[in-house]
Amino acid sequence: MAPDPNKTIVSNRKALRDFEVLERIEAGLSLHGTEIKSIRAGRVNLQEAYAVFRKGELWLYGMHVASWAGAGPWDHEPLRPRKLLLHKEETRKFGRSAASKGLTLVPLRLYIKDHHAKVELALAKGRREYDKRRVVAKRDADREMARALRSRG
């Protein structure tokens, strides 16, 4: 079996629980200095991250990339906003959709693809508390059903 070309560094499972994903897109990240070293080491947190459309560009806020020990005075700021790299038309489309329909752009996972850091963004709609419980109950029921089918055959 061939290795996965897209090595997932971190995924945002909380976003999948809290939001209903309507559409997904892959975006590059504009990084500074030692950020890529920290990302490759898995020292990243996407839990509180979200994307915002500002002045014709998409920016990722709230993604924590830990400091790199050997960076010295050239180290990066862990919580700085990072520019998302998309084609101009994709940027406009997702920015308008998020603003007009009251949707949110949330990162689902961060991965390495062809030696570049990429983030999978989702255009998502927030779930209410009772919807979250319903989704968890359905997932548990499906898991029980699959377990029962495996034990029968």
C-alpha atoms as a PDB file:
ATOM      1  CA  MET A   1       0.000   0.000   0.000  1.00  0.00           C
ATOM      2  CA  ALA A   2       1.349   3.438  -0.983  1.00  0.00           C
ATOM      3  CA  PRO A   3       1.800   6.083   1.722  1.00  0.00           C
ATOM      4  CA  ASP A   4      -0.773   8.874   1.915  1.00  0.00           C
ATOM      5  CA  PRO A   5       0.549  11.883  -0.064  1.00  0.00           C
ATOM      6  CA  ASN A   6      -1.437  14.255   2.161  1.00  0.00           C
ATOM      7  CA  LYS A   7      -0.017  13.813   5.655  1.00  0.00           C
ATOM      8  CA  THR A   8      -2.582  15.152   8.121  1.00  0.00           C
ATOM      9  CA  ILE A   9      -0.905  17.104  10.890  1.00  0.00           C
ATOM     10  CA  VAL A  10      -3.966  18.058  12.933  1.00  0.00           C
ATOM     11  CA  SER A  11      -7.731  17.828  12.450  1.00  0.00           C
ATOM     12  CA  ASN A  12     -10.454  19.915  14.041  1.00  0.00           C
ATOM     13  CA  ARG A  13     -12.973  17.358  15.305  1.00  0.00           C
ATOM     14  CA  LYS A  14     -14.729  19.996  17.388  1.00  0.00           C
ATOM     15  CA  ALA A  15     -15.677  21.860  14.200  1.00  0.00           C
ATOM     16  CA  LEU A  16     -17.312  18.734  12.761  1.00  0.00           C
ATOM     17  CA  ARG A  17     -19.426  18.456  15.906  1.00  0.00           C
ATOM     18  CA  ASP A  18     -20.330  22.147  16.220  1.00  0.00           C
ATOM     19  CA  PHE A  19     -20.955  22.919  12.532  1.00  0.00           C
ATOM     20  CA  GLU A  20     -22.825  21.428   9.596  1.00  0.00           C
ATOM     21  CA  VAL A  21     -20.380  21.408   6.676  1.00  0.00           C
ATOM     22  CA  LEU A  22     -21.888  22.703   3.426  1.00  0.00           C
ATOM     23  CA  GLU A  23     -18.816  22.999   1.199  1.00  0.00           C
ATOM     24  CA  ARG A  24     -15.076  22.272   1.475  1.00  0.00           C
ATOM     25  CA  ILE A  25     -12.044  23.872  -0.150  1.00  0.00           C
ATOM     26  CA  GLU A  26      -8.257  23.509   0.033  1.00  0.00           C
ATOM     27  CA  ALA A  27      -6.181  26.629   0.735  1.00  0.00           C
ATOM     28  CA  GLY A  28      -2.488  27.294   1.119  1.00  0.00           C
ATOM     29  CA  LEU A  29      -1.015  29.161   4.080  1.00  0.00           C
ATOM     30  CA  SER A  30       1.361  32.105   4.048  1.00  0.00           C
ATOM     31  CA  LEU A  31       3.891  31.234   6.754  1.00  0.00           C
ATOM     32  CA  HIS A  32       6.881  33.053   8.268  1.00  0.00           C
ATOM     33  CA  GLY A  33      10.227  31.698   9.393  1.00  0.00           C
ATOM     34  CA  THR A  34      10.033  28.758  11.760  1.00  0.00           C
ATOM     35  CA  GLU A  35       6.274  28.176  11.532  1.00  0.00           C
ATOM     36  CA  ILE A  36       6.628  25.308   9.058  1.00  0.00           C
ATOM     37  CA  LYS A  37       9.025  23.507  11.438  1.00  0.00           C
ATOM     38  CA  SER A  38       6.486  23.701  14.253  1.00  0.00           C
ATOM     39  CA  ILE A  39       3.714  22.566  11.917  1.00  0.00           C
ATOM     40  CA  ARG A  40       5.709  19.551  10.708  1.00  0.00           C
ATOM     41  CA  ALA A  41       6.394  18.678  14.369  1.00  0.00           C
ATOM     42  CA  GLY A  42       2.622  18.724  15.013  1.00  0.00           C
ATOM     43  CA  ARG A  43       2.726  21.654  17.443  1.00  0.00           C
ATOM     44  CA  VAL A  44      -0.459  23.262  16.083  1.00  0.00           C
ATOM     45  CA  ASN A  45      -3.955  23.816  17.464  1.00  0.00           C
ATOM     46  CA  LEU A  46      -7.007  24.536  15.282  1.00  0.00           C
ATOM     47  CA  GLN A  47      -9.681  24.378  18.004  1.00  0.00           C
ATOM     48  CA  GLU A  48     -10.490  28.099  18.104  1.00  0.00           C
ATOM     49  CA  ALA A  49      -9.522  28.944  14.508  1.00  0.00           C
ATOM     50  CA  TYR A  50     -11.786  30.638  11.961  1.00  0.00           C
ATOM     51  CA  ALA A  51     -11.366  32.449   8.652  1.00  0.00           C
ATOM     52  CA  VAL A  52     -12.450  36.021   7.891  1.00  0.00           C
ATOM     53  CA  PHE A  53     -12.827  37.875   4.577  1.00  0.00           C
ATOM     54  CA  ARG A  54     -11.048  41.267   4.843  1.00  0.00           C
ATOM     55  CA  LYS A  55     -10.151  43.687   2.037  1.00  0.00           C
ATOM     56  CA  GLY A  56     -10.481  41.067  -0.696  1.00  0.00           C
ATOM     57  CA  GLU A  57      -8.398  38.436   1.138  1.00  0.00           C
ATOM     58  CA  LEU A  58      -9.120  35.522   3.444  1.00  0.00           C
ATOM     59  CA  TRP A  59      -7.299  35.474   6.799  1.00  0.00           C
ATOM     60  CA  LEU A  60      -7.079  32.653   9.321  1.00  0.00           C
ATOM     61  CA  TYR A  61      -7.380  33.776  12.949  1.00  0.00           C
ATOM     62  CA  GLY A  62      -6.970  31.783  16.143  1.00  0.00           C
ATOM     63  CA  MET A  63      -4.659  29.051  14.821  1.00  0.00           C
ATOM     64  CA  HIS A  64      -1.939  28.509  17.413  1.00  0.00           C
ATOM     65  CA  VAL A  65       1.467  27.466  16.035  1.00  0.00           C
ATOM     66  CA  ALA A  66       3.850  26.878  18.946  1.00  0.00           C
ATOM     67  CA  SER A  67       7.200  28.648  19.080  1.00  0.00           C
ATOM     68  CA  TRP A  68      10.255  26.803  17.769  1.00  0.00           C
ATOM     69  CA  ALA A  69      12.934  26.244  20.411  1.00  0.00           C
ATOM     70  CA  GLY A  70      15.955  26.913  18.191  1.00  0.00           C
ATOM     71  CA  ALA A  71      14.604  30.054  16.529  1.00  0.00           C
ATOM     72  CA  GLY A  72      16.207  32.604  18.836  1.00  0.00           C
ATOM     73  CA  PRO A  73      15.202  36.203  18.146  1.00  0.00           C
ATOM     74  CA  TRP A  74      13.714  35.251  14.729  1.00  0.00           C
ATOM     75  CA  ASP A  75      10.849  33.263  16.217  1.00  0.00           C
ATOM     76  CA  HIS A  76       7.261  33.798  15.049  1.00  0.00           C
ATOM     77  CA  GLU A  77       4.246  35.029  17.004  1.00  0.00           C
ATOM     78  CA  PRO A  78       2.118  31.944  17.857  1.00  0.00           C
ATOM     79  CA  LEU A  79      -1.358  33.460  17.342  1.00  0.00           C
ATOM     80  CA  ARG A  80      -0.747  35.894  14.488  1.00  0.00           C
ATOM     81  CA  PRO A  81      -3.314  36.040  11.634  1.00  0.00           C
ATOM     82  CA  ARG A  82      -2.206  34.031   8.607  1.00  0.00           C
ATOM     83  CA  LYS A  83      -3.155  34.808   5.031  1.00  0.00           C
ATOM     84  CA  LEU A  84      -4.943  32.028   3.146  1.00  0.00           C
ATOM     85  CA  LEU A  85      -3.784  31.458  -0.409  1.00  0.00           C
ATOM     86  CA  LEU A  86      -6.628  30.851  -2.861  1.00  0.00           C
ATOM     87  CA  HIS A  87      -7.454  31.872  -6.399  1.00  0.00           C
ATOM     88  CA  LYS A  88      -9.096  35.284  -6.547  1.00  0.00           C
ATOM     89  CA  GLU A  89     -12.449  33.907  -7.700  1.00  0.00           C
ATOM     90  CA  GLU A  90     -12.511  31.275  -4.941  1.00  0.00           C
ATOM     91  CA  THR A  91     -11.691  33.952  -2.369  1.00  0.00           C
ATOM     92  CA  ARG A  92     -14.546  36.152  -3.560  1.00  0.00           C
ATOM     93  CA  LYS A  93     -17.014  33.268  -3.717  1.00  0.00           C
ATOM     94  CA  PHE A  94     -16.303  31.981  -0.210  1.00  0.00           C
ATOM     95  CA  GLY A  95     -16.020  35.466   1.275  1.00  0.00           C
ATOM     96  CA  ARG A  96     -19.370  36.549  -0.146  1.00  0.00           C
ATOM     97  CA  SER A  97     -21.087  33.309   0.857  1.00  0.00           C
ATOM     98  CA  ALA A  98     -19.858  33.553   4.423  1.00  0.00           C
ATOM     99  CA  ALA A  99     -20.846  37.206   4.766  1.00  0.00           C
ATOM    100  CA  SER A 100     -24.235  37.153   3.060  1.00  0.00           C
ATOM    101  CA  LYS A 101     -25.728  33.904   4.352  1.00  0.00           C
ATOM    102  CA  GLY A 102     -24.449  34.183   7.920  1.00  0.00           C
ATOM    103  CA  LEU A 103     -22.157  31.192   7.486  1.00  0.00           C
ATOM    104  CA  THR A 104     -18.734  30.602   9.008  1.00  0.00           C
ATOM    105  CA  LEU A 105     -15.436  29.559   7.449  1.00  0.00           C
ATOM    106  CA  VAL A 106     -13.789  27.009   9.758  1.00  0.00           C
ATOM    107  CA  PRO A 107     -10.619  24.970   9.219  1.00  0.00           C
ATOM    108  CA  LEU A 108     -11.237  21.220   9.360  1.00  0.00           C
ATOM    109  CA  ARG A 109      -7.690  19.937   9.062  1.00  0.00           C
ATOM    110  CA  LEU A 110      -4.114  21.030   8.445  1.00  0.00           C
ATOM    111  CA  TYR A 111      -1.917  18.809   6.302  1.00  0.00           C
ATOM    112  CA  ILE A 112       1.256  18.692   4.237  1.00  0.00           C
ATOM    113  CA  LYS A 113       0.805  18.234   0.477  1.00  0.00           C
ATOM    114  CA  ASP A 114       3.843  18.179  -1.794  1.00  0.00           C
ATOM    115  CA  HIS A 115       5.998  19.848   0.876  1.00  0.00           C
ATOM    116  CA  HIS A 116       3.502  22.707   1.373  1.00  0.00           C
ATOM    117  CA  ALA A 117       1.223  23.322   4.355  1.00  0.00           C
ATOM    118  CA  LYS A 118      -2.439  23.299   3.331  1.00  0.00           C
ATOM    119  CA  VAL A 119      -5.608  23.839   5.295  1.00  0.00           C
ATOM    120  CA  GLU A 120      -8.994  22.324   4.448  1.00  0.00           C
ATOM    121  CA  LEU A 121     -11.613  25.031   4.973  1.00  0.00           C
ATOM    122  CA  ALA A 122     -15.328  24.450   5.264  1.00  0.00           C
ATOM    123  CA  LEU A 123     -18.190  26.787   4.622  1.00  0.00           C
ATOM    124  CA  ALA A 124     -20.314  25.785   7.586  1.00  0.00           C
ATOM    125  CA  LYS A 125     -23.510  26.560   9.438  1.00  0.00           C
ATOM    126  CA  GLY A 126     -23.563  26.463  13.232  1.00  0.00           C
ATOM    127  CA  ARG A 127     -25.518  23.692  14.932  1.00  0.00           C
ATOM    128  CA  ARG A 128     -27.816  24.193  17.870  1.00  0.00           C
ATOM    129  CA  GLU A 129     -27.251  22.173  21.039  1.00  0.00           C
ATOM    130  CA  TYR A 130     -30.127  19.773  20.320  1.00  0.00           C
ATOM    131  CA  ASP A 131     -28.768  19.181  16.795  1.00  0.00           C
ATOM    132  CA  LYS A 132     -25.373  18.259  18.267  1.00  0.00           C
ATOM    133  CA  ARG A 133     -27.012  15.712  20.566  1.00  0.00           C
ATOM    134  CA  ARG A 134     -28.981  14.267  17.652  1.00  0.00           C
ATOM    135  CA  VAL A 135     -25.815  13.859  15.552  1.00  0.00           C
ATOM    136  CA  VAL A 136     -23.980  12.131  18.423  1.00  0.00           C
ATOM    137  CA  ALA A 137     -26.943   9.800  19.051  1.00  0.00           C
ATOM    138  CA  LYS A 138     -27.147   8.886  15.340  1.00  0.00           C
ATOM    139  CA  ARG A 139     -23.409   8.182  15.188  1.00  0.00           C
ATOM    140  CA  ASP A 140     -23.640   5.951  18.277  1.00  0.00           C
ATOM    141  CA  ALA A 141     -26.619   4.076  16.832  1.00  0.00           C
ATOM    142  CA  ASP A 142     -24.788   3.526  13.536  1.00  0.00           C
ATOM    143  CA  ARG A 143     -21.743   2.261  15.422  1.00  0.00           C
ATOM    144  CA  GLU A 144     -23.888  -0.200  17.440  1.00  0.00           C
ATOM    145  CA  MET A 145     -25.583  -1.418  14.260  1.00  0.00           C
ATOM    146  CA  ALA A 146     -22.235  -1.992  12.533  1.00  0.00           C
ATOM    147  CA  ARG A 147     -20.927  -3.810  15.609  1.00  0.00           C
ATOM    148  CA  ALA A 148     -24.013  -6.076  15.685  1.00  0.00           C
ATOM    149  CA  LEU A 149     -23.665  -6.865  11.969  1.00  0.00           C
ATOM    150  CA  ARG A 150     -19.986  -7.761  12.412  1.00  0.00           C
ATOM    151  CA  SER A 151     -20.734 -10.119  15.302  1.00  0.00           C
ATOM    152  CA  ARG A 152     -23.503 -11.906  13.314  1.00  0.00           C
ATOM    153  CA  GLY A 153     -21.403 -12.674  10.270  1.00  0.00           C
END
